[in-house]
Amino acid sequence: MNTFVLATHNQHKIEEFNAILGELIPGITVIGYDGPEPVEDGVSFAENALIKARAAAAHTGLPSLSDDSGLCVEVLGGAPGIFSARWAGAKKDNAANVQLLLDQLSDVRDGDRGAHFTCHIAVVNPETSEEFVVVGNWPGTLAKEVHGVNGFGYDPIFIPEGYEVTAAILDPAEKNALSHRARALRALAERLSS
């Protein structure tokens, strides 16, 4: 398995997967997916990642990858979780999502603002019927207000463990090396290599 289809239309994500996996597994290639997007009606990150990877594998006949990721806040029982991208409503609006979350946590003490980003990457190989999911988590806490302009989503309020600044202040290369997606991709590379 040297070529994988990544179940996304996001060129940036394809480039990121190629850069990280290519460094870890020489000769691997990740290509884009041009097929229909399935309905993500799973109730977990793993289920939604598998739904997308299965659709890409069925459409192309090639081994396929997909990721599903989001922010999990401890005091909210893991929410926004799979609803991270649409926390403030049906339309994806990063600023509204961040503001709603800040409002919901406005009276939560600093010591109780634990959170983590999570990324689940599914692999589906239609030739062997093999399926598996690897996970990468990035622990941290949530700031009380927005700081920084890099990144996207909840990066301006997420303070990674061991840091005093948000992910949106980190240099993009540093963030990408530490992130939940990078951790999941390293786990994927280990699994594929073995």
N, C-alpha and C. Protein backbone atom coordinates (compact mmCIF):
# COMPACT_ATOMS: atom_id res chain seq x y z
N MET A 1 0.85 -1.18 0.00
CA MET A 1 0.00 0.00 0.00
C MET A 1 0.90 1.24 0.00
N ASN A 2 1.19 1.77 -1.17
CA ASN A 2 2.01 2.98 -1.24
C ASN A 2 1.20 4.21 -1.60
N THR A 3 0.03 4.01 -2.21
CA THR A 3 -0.83 5.14 -2.57
C THR A 3 -2.15 5.03 -1.83
N PHE A 4 -2.53 6.12 -1.20
CA PHE A 4 -3.79 6.18 -0.47
C PHE A 4 -4.61 7.35 -0.99
N VAL A 5 -5.92 7.16 -1.00
CA VAL A 5 -6.84 8.26 -1.29
C VAL A 5 -7.24 8.86 0.05
N LEU A 6 -7.13 10.17 0.18
CA LEU A 6 -7.58 10.85 1.40
C LEU A 6 -8.98 11.39 1.15
N ALA A 7 -9.92 10.97 1.95
CA ALA A 7 -11.33 11.33 1.75
C ALA A 7 -11.58 12.77 2.18
N THR A 8 -11.09 13.68 1.35
CA THR A 8 -11.31 15.11 1.58
C THR A 8 -11.17 15.84 0.25
N HIS A 9 -11.80 16.99 0.16
CA HIS A 9 -11.62 17.87 -0.99
C HIS A 9 -10.70 19.03 -0.62
N ASN A 10 -10.12 18.98 0.58
CA ASN A 10 -9.28 20.04 1.12
C ASN A 10 -7.82 19.81 0.70
N GLN A 11 -7.34 20.61 -0.25
CA GLN A 11 -5.99 20.46 -0.76
C GLN A 11 -4.93 20.66 0.32
N HIS A 12 -5.19 21.59 1.26
CA HIS A 12 -4.25 21.84 2.36
C HIS A 12 -4.05 20.57 3.19
N LYS A 13 -5.14 19.86 3.46
CA LYS A 13 -5.05 18.65 4.26
C LYS A 13 -4.28 17.56 3.51
N ILE A 14 -4.49 17.46 2.20
CA ILE A 14 -3.76 16.48 1.38
C ILE A 14 -2.26 16.77 1.45
N GLU A 15 -1.89 18.04 1.33
CA GLU A 15 -0.48 18.42 1.41
C GLU A 15 0.10 18.10 2.78
N GLU A 16 -0.67 18.36 3.84
CA GLU A 16 -0.21 18.09 5.20
C GLU A 16 0.02 16.59 5.40
N PHE A 17 -0.93 15.76 4.96
CA PHE A 17 -0.77 14.31 5.09
C PHE A 17 0.46 13.84 4.31
N ASN A 18 0.64 14.34 3.08
CA ASN A 18 1.81 13.96 2.27
C ASN A 18 3.11 14.36 2.95
N ALA A 19 3.16 15.57 3.49
CA ALA A 19 4.38 16.06 4.11
C ALA A 19 4.75 15.23 5.33
N ILE A 20 3.79 14.99 6.21
CA ILE A 20 4.09 14.27 7.45
C ILE A 20 4.33 12.79 7.19
N LEU A 21 3.42 12.14 6.43
CA LEU A 21 3.59 10.71 6.17
C LEU A 21 4.80 10.44 5.28
N GLY A 22 5.04 11.34 4.30
CA GLY A 22 6.18 11.17 3.41
C GLY A 22 7.50 11.20 4.14
N GLU A 23 7.55 11.98 5.21
CA GLU A 23 8.77 12.05 6.02
C GLU A 23 8.94 10.78 6.86
N LEU A 24 7.81 10.21 7.30
CA LEU A 24 7.85 9.03 8.17
C LEU A 24 7.95 7.72 7.40
N ILE A 25 7.33 7.69 6.21
CA ILE A 25 7.33 6.47 5.38
C ILE A 25 7.72 6.87 3.96
N PRO A 26 9.00 6.80 3.62
CA PRO A 26 9.42 7.17 2.26
C PRO A 26 8.67 6.36 1.21
N GLY A 27 8.26 7.05 0.14
CA GLY A 27 7.59 6.38 -0.96
C GLY A 27 6.07 6.37 -0.89
N ILE A 28 5.51 6.81 0.25
CA ILE A 28 4.05 6.83 0.37
C ILE A 28 3.50 8.07 -0.33
N THR A 29 2.35 7.93 -0.97
CA THR A 29 1.71 9.05 -1.65
C THR A 29 0.25 9.12 -1.25
N VAL A 30 -0.20 10.32 -0.93
CA VAL A 30 -1.61 10.54 -0.59
C VAL A 30 -2.20 11.42 -1.69
N ILE A 31 -3.27 10.92 -2.31
CA ILE A 31 -3.93 11.67 -3.38
C ILE A 31 -5.31 12.12 -2.94
N GLY A 32 -5.84 13.10 -3.65
CA GLY A 32 -7.15 13.65 -3.32
C GLY A 32 -8.29 12.76 -3.78
N TYR A 33 -9.45 13.05 -3.26
CA TYR A 33 -10.68 12.30 -3.52
C TYR A 33 -11.64 13.21 -4.28
N ASP A 34 -12.16 12.71 -5.40
CA ASP A 34 -13.06 13.55 -6.21
C ASP A 34 -14.50 13.04 -6.21
N GLY A 35 -14.80 12.11 -5.32
CA GLY A 35 -16.14 11.52 -5.29
C GLY A 35 -17.10 12.26 -4.38
N PRO A 36 -18.31 11.71 -4.26
CA PRO A 36 -19.33 12.34 -3.42
C PRO A 36 -19.00 12.24 -1.93
N GLU A 37 -19.43 13.25 -1.19
CA GLU A 37 -19.21 13.25 0.25
C GLU A 37 -20.35 12.50 0.93
N PRO A 38 -20.03 11.51 1.75
CA PRO A 38 -21.09 10.76 2.45
C PRO A 38 -21.66 11.57 3.61
N VAL A 39 -22.81 11.15 4.08
CA VAL A 39 -23.41 11.76 5.27
C VAL A 39 -22.67 11.23 6.48
N GLU A 40 -22.14 12.14 7.29
CA GLU A 40 -21.43 11.75 8.51
C GLU A 40 -22.45 11.68 9.65
N ASP A 41 -23.05 10.51 9.79
CA ASP A 41 -24.08 10.36 10.80
C ASP A 41 -23.64 9.44 11.95
N GLY A 42 -22.35 9.25 12.09
CA GLY A 42 -21.82 8.47 13.22
C GLY A 42 -21.94 9.27 14.51
N VAL A 43 -21.82 8.57 15.62
CA VAL A 43 -21.91 9.23 16.92
C VAL A 43 -20.56 9.33 17.62
N SER A 44 -19.49 9.06 16.86
CA SER A 44 -18.14 9.19 17.41
C SER A 44 -17.20 9.63 16.30
N PHE A 45 -16.03 10.11 16.69
CA PHE A 45 -15.02 10.50 15.70
C PHE A 45 -14.64 9.29 14.85
N ALA A 46 -14.43 8.13 15.49
CA ALA A 46 -14.02 6.93 14.76
C ALA A 46 -15.07 6.53 13.73
N GLU A 47 -16.34 6.55 14.12
CA GLU A 47 -17.40 6.18 13.18
C GLU A 47 -17.42 7.11 11.98
N ASN A 48 -17.32 8.40 12.21
CA ASN A 48 -17.37 9.36 11.10
C ASN A 48 -16.15 9.23 10.19
N ALA A 49 -14.98 8.98 10.78
CA ALA A 49 -13.78 8.77 9.96
C ALA A 49 -13.94 7.53 9.09
N LEU A 50 -14.47 6.46 9.66
CA LEU A 50 -14.68 5.22 8.90
C LEU A 50 -15.71 5.41 7.79
N ILE A 51 -16.77 6.15 8.06
CA ILE A 51 -17.79 6.42 7.03
C ILE A 51 -17.14 7.06 5.80
N LYS A 52 -16.30 8.06 6.04
CA LYS A 52 -15.66 8.77 4.92
C LYS A 52 -14.63 7.89 4.21
N ALA A 53 -13.82 7.14 4.98
CA ALA A 53 -12.81 6.28 4.36
C ALA A 53 -13.46 5.16 3.55
N ARG A 54 -14.55 4.58 4.07
CA ARG A 54 -15.26 3.53 3.32
C ARG A 54 -15.83 4.07 2.02
N ALA A 55 -16.37 5.28 2.05
CA ALA A 55 -16.93 5.88 0.84
C ALA A 55 -15.85 6.09 -0.21
N ALA A 56 -14.69 6.60 0.21
CA ALA A 56 -13.59 6.84 -0.73
C ALA A 56 -13.06 5.52 -1.29
N ALA A 57 -12.95 4.50 -0.45
CA ALA A 57 -12.47 3.19 -0.91
C ALA A 57 -13.46 2.58 -1.91
N ALA A 58 -14.75 2.69 -1.61
CA ALA A 58 -15.76 2.13 -2.51
C ALA A 58 -15.77 2.86 -3.85
N HIS A 59 -15.57 4.17 -3.81
CA HIS A 59 -15.62 4.99 -5.03
C HIS A 59 -14.38 4.79 -5.91
N THR A 60 -13.21 4.61 -5.29
CA THR A 60 -11.96 4.56 -6.05
C THR A 60 -11.36 3.16 -6.18
N GLY A 61 -11.73 2.26 -5.27
CA GLY A 61 -11.11 0.93 -5.26
C GLY A 61 -9.71 0.93 -4.67
N LEU A 62 -9.28 2.06 -4.13
CA LEU A 62 -7.94 2.20 -3.56
C LEU A 62 -7.99 2.23 -2.03
N PRO A 63 -6.87 1.87 -1.38
CA PRO A 63 -6.81 2.06 0.06
C PRO A 63 -7.08 3.53 0.40
N SER A 64 -7.88 3.76 1.42
CA SER A 64 -8.33 5.13 1.72
C SER A 64 -8.10 5.51 3.17
N LEU A 65 -7.89 6.80 3.34
CA LEU A 65 -7.71 7.42 4.66
C LEU A 65 -8.77 8.48 4.85
N SER A 66 -9.13 8.70 6.09
CA SER A 66 -9.98 9.84 6.43
C SER A 66 -9.74 10.19 7.88
N ASP A 67 -9.89 11.47 8.19
CA ASP A 67 -9.77 11.85 9.59
C ASP A 67 -11.01 12.59 10.05
N ASP A 68 -11.28 12.48 11.33
CA ASP A 68 -12.34 13.26 11.95
C ASP A 68 -11.74 13.77 13.25
N SER A 69 -11.92 15.05 13.50
CA SER A 69 -11.27 15.63 14.66
C SER A 69 -12.13 16.72 15.28
N GLY A 70 -11.77 17.09 16.50
CA GLY A 70 -12.49 18.15 17.18
C GLY A 70 -11.92 18.42 18.55
N LEU A 71 -12.60 19.29 19.27
CA LEU A 71 -12.19 19.71 20.61
C LEU A 71 -13.12 19.07 21.64
N CYS A 72 -12.53 18.51 22.68
CA CYS A 72 -13.28 17.89 23.77
C CYS A 72 -12.96 18.63 25.07
N VAL A 73 -13.98 19.18 25.71
CA VAL A 73 -13.81 19.96 26.93
C VAL A 73 -14.28 19.13 28.12
N GLU A 74 -13.41 18.94 29.10
CA GLU A 74 -13.69 18.05 30.22
C GLU A 74 -14.96 18.44 30.97
N VAL A 75 -15.09 19.72 31.34
CA VAL A 75 -16.22 20.15 32.16
C VAL A 75 -17.55 20.04 31.39
N LEU A 76 -17.47 19.91 30.07
CA LEU A 76 -18.67 19.75 29.24
C LEU A 76 -18.89 18.29 28.85
N GLY A 77 -18.22 17.39 29.56
CA GLY A 77 -18.41 15.97 29.29
C GLY A 77 -17.90 15.53 27.92
N GLY A 78 -16.92 16.26 27.38
CA GLY A 78 -16.35 15.91 26.08
C GLY A 78 -16.90 16.72 24.93
N ALA A 79 -17.90 17.55 25.17
CA ALA A 79 -18.43 18.41 24.11
C ALA A 79 -17.45 19.56 23.89
N PRO A 80 -17.47 20.20 22.75
CA PRO A 80 -18.33 19.99 21.59
C PRO A 80 -18.10 18.69 20.83
N GLY A 81 -16.96 18.04 20.98
CA GLY A 81 -16.74 16.73 20.39
C GLY A 81 -17.00 16.69 18.90
N ILE A 82 -17.81 15.71 18.46
CA ILE A 82 -18.07 15.56 17.02
C ILE A 82 -18.84 16.74 16.44
N PHE A 83 -19.36 17.59 17.30
CA PHE A 83 -20.09 18.77 16.83
C PHE A 83 -19.22 20.03 16.81
N SER A 84 -17.91 19.88 16.96
CA SER A 84 -17.00 21.01 17.07
C SER A 84 -17.15 22.02 15.94
N ALA A 85 -17.24 21.56 14.71
CA ALA A 85 -17.29 22.47 13.56
C ALA A 85 -18.61 23.24 13.47
N ARG A 86 -19.65 22.70 14.09
CA ARG A 86 -20.98 23.34 14.01
C ARG A 86 -21.57 23.60 15.40
N TRP A 87 -20.70 23.89 16.37
CA TRP A 87 -21.14 24.07 17.76
C TRP A 87 -22.15 25.21 17.89
N ALA A 88 -21.98 26.27 17.12
CA ALA A 88 -22.87 27.44 17.24
C ALA A 88 -24.02 27.40 16.23
N GLY A 89 -24.16 26.32 15.47
CA GLY A 89 -25.25 26.23 14.50
C GLY A 89 -24.85 25.42 13.28
N ALA A 90 -25.81 25.22 12.38
CA ALA A 90 -25.61 24.35 11.21
C ALA A 90 -24.50 24.85 10.28
N LYS A 91 -24.33 26.15 10.19
CA LYS A 91 -23.29 26.71 9.32
C LYS A 91 -21.96 26.73 10.07
N LYS A 92 -20.90 26.27 9.41
CA LYS A 92 -19.58 26.30 10.04
C LYS A 92 -19.13 27.75 10.19
N ASP A 93 -18.92 28.19 11.44
CA ASP A 93 -18.52 29.56 11.72
C ASP A 93 -17.56 29.53 12.91
N ASN A 94 -16.25 29.55 12.61
CA ASN A 94 -15.24 29.43 13.66
C ASN A 94 -15.40 30.46 14.76
N ALA A 95 -15.59 31.72 14.38
CA ALA A 95 -15.69 32.79 15.38
C ALA A 95 -16.90 32.58 16.29
N ALA A 96 -18.04 32.19 15.71
CA ALA A 96 -19.24 31.94 16.51
C ALA A 96 -19.06 30.73 17.42
N ASN A 97 -18.40 29.69 16.93
CA ASN A 97 -18.14 28.51 17.75
C ASN A 97 -17.29 28.86 18.96
N VAL A 98 -16.22 29.62 18.72
CA VAL A 98 -15.32 30.02 19.80
C VAL A 98 -16.05 30.89 20.82
N GLN A 99 -16.82 31.85 20.33
CA GLN A 99 -17.53 32.75 21.25
C GLN A 99 -18.55 32.00 22.10
N LEU A 100 -19.29 31.09 21.48
CA LEU A 100 -20.28 30.31 22.23
C LEU A 100 -19.58 29.50 23.32
N LEU A 101 -18.47 28.86 22.98
CA LEU A 101 -17.75 28.06 23.97
C LEU A 101 -17.22 28.94 25.11
N LEU A 102 -16.67 30.10 24.77
CA LEU A 102 -16.21 31.03 25.81
C LEU A 102 -17.36 31.45 26.72
N ASP A 103 -18.51 31.73 26.13
CA ASP A 103 -19.69 32.11 26.92
C ASP A 103 -20.10 30.98 27.86
N GLN A 104 -20.09 29.74 27.34
CA GLN A 104 -20.50 28.60 28.15
C GLN A 104 -19.54 28.33 29.31
N LEU A 105 -18.28 28.73 29.13
CA LEU A 105 -17.26 28.49 30.16
C LEU A 105 -16.92 29.73 30.97
N SER A 106 -17.70 30.78 30.83
CA SER A 106 -17.36 32.08 31.43
C SER A 106 -17.19 32.02 32.95
N ASP A 107 -17.91 31.14 33.63
CA ASP A 107 -17.79 31.07 35.08
C ASP A 107 -17.00 29.84 35.56
N VAL A 108 -16.28 29.20 34.64
CA VAL A 108 -15.49 28.02 35.00
C VAL A 108 -14.08 28.46 35.40
N ARG A 109 -13.63 28.00 36.59
CA ARG A 109 -12.30 28.36 37.11
C ARG A 109 -11.19 27.87 36.20
N ASP A 110 -10.04 28.53 36.29
CA ASP A 110 -8.87 28.17 35.49
C ASP A 110 -8.51 26.69 35.61
N GLY A 111 -8.53 26.16 36.81
CA GLY A 111 -8.14 24.77 37.04
C GLY A 111 -9.09 23.74 36.49
N ASP A 112 -10.27 24.19 36.07
CA ASP A 112 -11.29 23.27 35.53
C ASP A 112 -11.53 23.47 34.04
N ARG A 113 -10.57 24.07 33.35
CA ARG A 113 -10.74 24.37 31.93
C ARG A 113 -9.95 23.42 31.02
N GLY A 114 -9.74 22.20 31.51
CA GLY A 114 -9.01 21.20 30.74
C GLY A 114 -9.74 20.82 29.47
N ALA A 115 -8.97 20.59 28.42
CA ALA A 115 -9.54 20.20 27.13
C ALA A 115 -8.47 19.49 26.33
N HIS A 116 -8.89 18.82 25.28
CA HIS A 116 -7.91 18.27 24.34
C HIS A 116 -8.51 18.24 22.94
N PHE A 117 -7.63 18.45 21.98
CA PHE A 117 -7.99 18.20 20.59
C PHE A 117 -7.77 16.72 20.35
N THR A 118 -8.62 16.11 19.55
CA THR A 118 -8.45 14.71 19.19
C THR A 118 -8.58 14.54 17.69
N CYS A 119 -7.84 13.61 17.14
CA CYS A 119 -7.91 13.29 15.72
C CYS A 119 -7.94 11.78 15.58
N HIS A 120 -8.96 11.28 14.89
CA HIS A 120 -9.09 9.86 14.60
C HIS A 120 -8.90 9.68 13.10
N ILE A 121 -7.92 8.86 12.71
CA ILE A 121 -7.66 8.59 11.30
C ILE A 121 -8.05 7.15 11.01
N ALA A 122 -8.97 6.99 10.05
CA ALA A 122 -9.42 5.66 9.64
C ALA A 122 -8.70 5.24 8.37
N VAL A 123 -8.41 3.95 8.27
CA VAL A 123 -7.82 3.36 7.08
C VAL A 123 -8.73 2.23 6.63
N VAL A 124 -9.06 2.22 5.35
CA VAL A 124 -9.87 1.15 4.77
C VAL A 124 -9.15 0.65 3.52
N ASN A 125 -8.87 -0.65 3.49
CA ASN A 125 -8.23 -1.27 2.33
C ASN A 125 -9.25 -2.20 1.67
N PRO A 126 -9.81 -1.81 0.51
CA PRO A 126 -10.85 -2.64 -0.11
C PRO A 126 -10.33 -3.99 -0.62
N GLU A 127 -9.03 -4.10 -0.86
CA GLU A 127 -8.47 -5.37 -1.35
C GLU A 127 -8.46 -6.44 -0.27
N THR A 128 -8.16 -6.04 0.96
CA THR A 128 -8.05 -7.01 2.05
C THR A 128 -9.21 -6.92 3.04
N SER A 129 -10.08 -5.94 2.86
CA SER A 129 -11.20 -5.66 3.79
C SER A 129 -10.70 -5.24 5.18
N GLU A 130 -9.43 -4.87 5.28
CA GLU A 130 -8.89 -4.41 6.56
C GLU A 130 -9.35 -2.98 6.84
N GLU A 131 -9.74 -2.75 8.09
CA GLU A 131 -10.12 -1.41 8.56
C GLU A 131 -9.53 -1.21 9.94
N PHE A 132 -9.02 -0.03 10.19
CA PHE A 132 -8.58 0.29 11.54
C PHE A 132 -8.58 1.81 11.72
N VAL A 133 -8.52 2.22 12.98
CA VAL A 133 -8.52 3.64 13.33
C VAL A 133 -7.38 3.88 14.32
N VAL A 134 -6.61 4.95 14.09
CA VAL A 134 -5.59 5.38 15.04
C VAL A 134 -6.01 6.74 15.60
N VAL A 135 -5.50 7.06 16.79
CA VAL A 135 -5.93 8.27 17.49
C VAL A 135 -4.73 9.09 17.93
N GLY A 136 -4.87 10.40 17.82
CA GLY A 136 -3.88 11.33 18.37
C GLY A 136 -4.60 12.37 19.20
N ASN A 137 -4.13 12.57 20.44
CA ASN A 137 -4.73 13.58 21.32
C ASN A 137 -3.69 14.64 21.67
N TRP A 138 -4.15 15.89 21.77
CA TRP A 138 -3.28 17.02 22.13
C TRP A 138 -3.89 17.70 23.35
N PRO A 139 -3.37 17.41 24.56
CA PRO A 139 -3.97 17.96 25.78
C PRO A 139 -3.61 19.42 26.00
N GLY A 140 -4.48 20.09 26.74
CA GLY A 140 -4.24 21.48 27.09
C GLY A 140 -5.36 22.03 27.95
N THR A 141 -5.47 23.35 27.95
CA THR A 141 -6.53 24.05 28.68
C THR A 141 -7.09 25.14 27.77
N LEU A 142 -8.19 25.73 28.20
CA LEU A 142 -8.81 26.79 27.41
C LEU A 142 -8.62 28.15 28.07
N ALA A 143 -8.20 29.11 27.25
CA ALA A 143 -8.04 30.49 27.70
C ALA A 143 -9.43 31.11 27.93
N LYS A 144 -9.45 32.27 28.57
CA LYS A 144 -10.72 32.95 28.81
C LYS A 144 -11.05 33.96 27.72
N GLU A 145 -10.10 34.19 26.82
CA GLU A 145 -10.36 35.07 25.69
C GLU A 145 -9.45 34.69 24.53
N VAL A 146 -9.77 35.18 23.37
CA VAL A 146 -9.04 34.87 22.13
C VAL A 146 -7.66 35.52 22.14
N HIS A 147 -6.64 34.74 21.74
CA HIS A 147 -5.27 35.25 21.60
C HIS A 147 -4.64 34.62 20.37
N GLY A 148 -4.11 35.45 19.46
CA GLY A 148 -3.38 34.93 18.31
C GLY A 148 -4.19 34.92 17.03
N VAL A 149 -3.47 34.87 15.92
CA VAL A 149 -4.13 34.93 14.60
C VAL A 149 -3.76 33.75 13.71
N ASN A 150 -2.84 32.90 14.13
CA ASN A 150 -2.49 31.73 13.32
C ASN A 150 -3.53 30.63 13.54
N GLY A 151 -3.48 29.63 12.66
CA GLY A 151 -4.36 28.48 12.83
C GLY A 151 -5.80 28.80 12.49
N PHE A 152 -6.70 27.97 13.01
CA PHE A 152 -8.13 28.12 12.71
C PHE A 152 -8.92 27.42 13.81
N GLY A 153 -10.22 27.44 13.69
CA GLY A 153 -11.07 26.76 14.67
C GLY A 153 -10.87 27.31 16.07
N TYR A 154 -10.62 26.40 16.99
CA TYR A 154 -10.48 26.76 18.40
C TYR A 154 -9.05 27.11 18.80
N ASP A 155 -8.13 27.15 17.83
CA ASP A 155 -6.72 27.46 18.13
C ASP A 155 -6.54 28.72 18.97
N PRO A 156 -7.31 29.81 18.74
CA PRO A 156 -7.08 31.05 19.51
C PRO A 156 -7.42 30.96 21.00
N ILE A 157 -8.09 29.86 21.43
CA ILE A 157 -8.38 29.74 22.87
C ILE A 157 -7.76 28.47 23.47
N PHE A 158 -7.08 27.67 22.67
CA PHE A 158 -6.49 26.42 23.16
C PHE A 158 -5.03 26.62 23.53
N ILE A 159 -4.71 26.39 24.81
CA ILE A 159 -3.33 26.51 25.31
C ILE A 159 -2.79 25.09 25.47
N PRO A 160 -1.85 24.68 24.60
CA PRO A 160 -1.32 23.32 24.70
C PRO A 160 -0.60 23.09 26.02
N GLU A 161 -0.67 21.87 26.50
CA GLU A 161 0.02 21.48 27.72
C GLU A 161 1.51 21.80 27.59
N GLY A 162 2.06 22.46 28.63
CA GLY A 162 3.47 22.82 28.63
C GLY A 162 3.74 24.19 28.02
N TYR A 163 2.69 24.88 27.56
CA TYR A 163 2.84 26.20 26.95
C TYR A 163 2.03 27.23 27.73
N GLU A 164 2.36 28.50 27.52
CA GLU A 164 1.61 29.57 28.16
C GLU A 164 0.89 30.43 27.14
N VAL A 165 0.96 30.04 25.86
CA VAL A 165 0.30 30.77 24.79
C VAL A 165 -0.63 29.83 24.05
N THR A 166 -1.57 30.41 23.32
CA THR A 166 -2.51 29.58 22.57
C THR A 166 -1.86 29.01 21.31
N ALA A 167 -2.51 28.02 20.75
CA ALA A 167 -2.04 27.40 19.51
C ALA A 167 -2.02 28.41 18.37
N ALA A 168 -2.84 29.44 18.46
CA ALA A 168 -2.89 30.47 17.42
C ALA A 168 -1.72 31.44 17.49
N ILE A 169 -0.92 31.36 18.54
CA ILE A 169 0.28 32.19 18.65
C ILE A 169 1.51 31.40 18.22
N LEU A 170 1.44 30.09 18.33
CA LEU A 170 2.59 29.25 17.94
C LEU A 170 2.90 29.43 16.46
N ASP A 171 4.17 29.28 16.13
CA ASP A 171 4.59 29.24 14.73
C ASP A 171 3.86 28.05 14.08
N PRO A 172 3.32 28.23 12.87
CA PRO A 172 2.56 27.15 12.23
C PRO A 172 3.33 25.82 12.15
N ALA A 173 4.63 25.86 11.89
CA ALA A 173 5.41 24.62 11.80
C ALA A 173 5.49 23.94 13.16
N GLU A 174 5.64 24.75 14.23
CA GLU A 174 5.69 24.19 15.58
C GLU A 174 4.35 23.57 15.95
N LYS A 175 3.27 24.29 15.64
CA LYS A 175 1.93 23.77 15.92
C LYS A 175 1.70 22.45 15.19
N ASN A 176 2.08 22.41 13.91
CA ASN A 176 1.85 21.21 13.12
C ASN A 176 2.64 20.02 13.64
N ALA A 177 3.80 20.27 14.25
CA ALA A 177 4.60 19.18 14.81
C ALA A 177 4.00 18.64 16.10
N LEU A 178 3.27 19.48 16.84
CA LEU A 178 2.70 19.10 18.13
C LEU A 178 1.26 18.61 18.06
N SER A 179 0.55 18.96 17.02
CA SER A 179 -0.91 18.84 16.97
C SER A 179 -1.42 17.41 17.07
N HIS A 180 -2.71 17.32 17.34
CA HIS A 180 -3.42 16.04 17.40
C HIS A 180 -3.31 15.30 16.07
N ARG A 181 -3.38 16.03 14.95
CA ARG A 181 -3.29 15.37 13.64
C ARG A 181 -1.88 14.81 13.44
N ALA A 182 -0.85 15.56 13.82
CA ALA A 182 0.52 15.06 13.70
C ALA A 182 0.71 13.81 14.56
N ARG A 183 0.14 13.81 15.75
CA ARG A 183 0.26 12.65 16.64
C ARG A 183 -0.46 11.44 16.05
N ALA A 184 -1.64 11.67 15.46
CA ALA A 184 -2.37 10.56 14.83
C ALA A 184 -1.63 10.06 13.60
N LEU A 185 -1.02 10.97 12.83
CA LEU A 185 -0.27 10.55 11.65
C LEU A 185 0.97 9.75 12.04
N ARG A 186 1.62 10.11 13.15
CA ARG A 186 2.75 9.31 13.62
C ARG A 186 2.29 7.92 14.03
N ALA A 187 1.13 7.84 14.69
CA ALA A 187 0.58 6.53 15.06
C ALA A 187 0.23 5.72 13.81
N LEU A 188 -0.28 6.41 12.79
CA LEU A 188 -0.61 5.74 11.53
C LEU A 188 0.65 5.21 10.86
N ALA A 189 1.70 6.03 10.82
CA ALA A 189 2.95 5.60 10.21
C ALA A 189 3.52 4.37 10.92
N GLU A 190 3.43 4.35 12.25
CA GLU A 190 3.89 3.19 13.02
C GLU A 190 3.11 1.95 12.64
N ARG A 191 1.79 2.11 12.56
CA ARG A 191 0.91 0.97 12.24
C ARG A 191 1.18 0.47 10.82
N LEU A 192 1.32 1.37 9.87
CA LEU A 192 1.57 0.98 8.48
C LEU A 192 2.94 0.33 8.33
N SER A 193 3.93 0.83 9.05
CA SER A 193 5.28 0.29 8.96
C SER A 193 5.37 -1.12 9.53
N SER A 194 4.54 -1.41 10.52
CA SER A 194 4.57 -2.73 11.13
C SER A 194 3.69 -3.69 10.36
